[in-house]
Structure formats: structure tokens, C-alpha cells
Amino acid sequence: MNRNDFNEKYKEYLADRFDGLMLDNEEVVKYLDKEFQEFIKIPNFKYYQIKGKFNWFSFYADNLPAGKREEIENKIKEIYEK
């Protein structure tokens, strides 16, 4: 699965006029797909962007449990640093 497949799979949860996942790392996509299986069970879950720049990664979403956004960003960074 690549980023386009991911965004298509979760398009129901992607906020209007946002890009969604912008990373094409296969391991990141696989990791996020697993995490999203739980996120989509959260009422009113929406995501906006998942992107990186200069080894800094950001994940923008609504209605995640406390600390989950930072956990996702740190895991993506860890994958890219391998």
C-alpha cells in the first residue's frame, strides 16, 4: 500500500480540502494502517495531514487519546532514522 491507497482507504475520515498522508515510506504506511484500524472506531475521528520536513514529522487529527499524536510522530521519526 502506498500513500494514495492509504488516503483512498481512509477518505471517509480525511477532512475536506486536506492532503492526508504525504509520506510514501512503506513501513510508515503499514504502521499507520494498523493504528488507523483503532482510530476509525473513535467517534468523530478526522485526520488532516501526516507529513515530514527536515526529519521532523507531524500528524494532525481530531479526537485522539492524549499523547497519541506525539507517539505517532515519534514512531514515524524512528522509522525514518533506521
Protein backbone atom coordinates (compact mmCIF):
# COMPACT_ATOMS: atom_id res chain seq x y z
CA MET A 1 0.00 0.00 0.00
CA ASN A 2 1.26 3.47 -0.82
CA ARG A 3 0.10 6.87 0.41
CA ASN A 4 -2.55 7.19 -2.30
CA ASP A 5 -4.01 3.79 -1.41
CA PHE A 6 -3.99 4.78 2.27
CA ASN A 7 -5.77 8.07 1.65
CA GLU A 8 -8.34 6.33 -0.52
CA LYS A 9 -8.94 3.65 2.13
CA TYR A 10 -9.49 6.29 4.84
CA LYS A 11 -11.07 9.03 2.71
CA GLU A 12 -14.20 8.95 4.87
CA TYR A 13 -12.05 10.19 7.77
CA LEU A 14 -9.97 12.72 5.83
CA ALA A 15 -11.08 16.31 6.46
CA ASP A 16 -12.21 18.25 3.41
CA ARG A 17 -9.54 20.12 1.45
CA PHE A 18 -6.63 18.42 3.22
CA ASP A 19 -3.89 16.22 1.77
CA GLY A 20 -3.88 13.35 4.27
CA LEU A 21 -0.83 11.12 4.30
CA MET A 22 2.02 12.72 2.38
CA LEU A 23 4.73 10.13 3.14
CA ASP A 24 5.45 7.18 0.86
CA ASN A 25 7.56 5.04 3.17
CA GLU A 26 6.12 1.51 3.05
CA GLU A 27 6.86 0.79 6.71
CA VAL A 28 5.20 4.06 7.81
CA VAL A 29 2.12 3.33 5.71
CA LYS A 30 1.86 -0.17 7.20
CA TYR A 31 2.26 1.19 10.74
CA LEU A 32 -0.35 3.91 10.20
CA ASP A 33 -2.78 1.47 8.63
CA LYS A 34 -2.62 -0.65 11.79
CA GLU A 35 -3.10 2.41 14.02
CA PHE A 36 -5.99 3.72 11.92
CA GLN A 37 -7.87 0.46 12.45
CA GLU A 38 -8.35 1.69 16.04
CA PHE A 39 -8.67 5.41 15.26
CA ILE A 40 -11.67 4.89 12.99
CA LYS A 41 -13.55 3.43 15.96
CA ILE A 42 -13.26 6.78 17.78
CA PRO A 43 -16.37 8.95 17.39
CA ASN A 44 -15.77 11.98 15.13
CA PHE A 45 -12.19 10.96 14.31
CA LYS A 46 -10.78 13.04 11.43
CA TYR A 47 -7.27 13.41 10.12
CA TYR A 48 -5.83 16.28 8.12
CA GLN A 49 -2.16 15.79 7.30
CA ILE A 50 0.65 13.40 8.04
CA LYS A 51 3.87 14.87 6.71
CA GLY A 52 7.56 15.35 7.24
CA LYS A 53 10.13 18.03 6.65
CA PHE A 54 13.81 18.08 7.59
CA ASN A 55 13.48 14.94 9.78
CA TRP A 56 10.55 16.50 11.66
CA PHE A 57 7.17 14.77 11.35
CA SER A 58 3.68 15.98 12.13
CA PHE A 59 0.33 14.26 12.43
CA TYR A 60 -2.79 16.41 12.52
CA ALA A 61 -6.02 14.75 13.65
CA ASP A 62 -9.06 15.28 15.87
CA ASN A 63 -10.30 13.25 18.82
CA LEU A 64 -7.23 11.14 19.53
CA PRO A 65 -6.41 9.91 23.03
CA ALA A 66 -3.99 12.11 24.99
CA GLY A 67 -0.39 11.66 23.87
CA LYS A 68 -1.26 9.58 20.81
CA ARG A 69 -0.33 12.29 18.30
CA GLU A 70 3.17 12.59 19.77
CA GLU A 71 3.51 8.81 19.87
CA ILE A 72 2.70 8.59 16.15
CA GLU A 73 5.11 11.41 15.24
CA ASN A 74 7.91 9.80 17.27
CA LYS A 75 7.33 6.38 15.69
CA ILE A 76 7.41 7.85 12.17
CA LYS A 77 10.70 9.60 13.00
CA GLU A 78 12.09 6.35 14.40
CA ILE A 79 11.18 4.51 11.19
CA TYR A 80 12.85 7.15 9.03
CA GLU A 81 16.00 7.13 11.17
CA LYS A 82 16.62 3.40 10.56
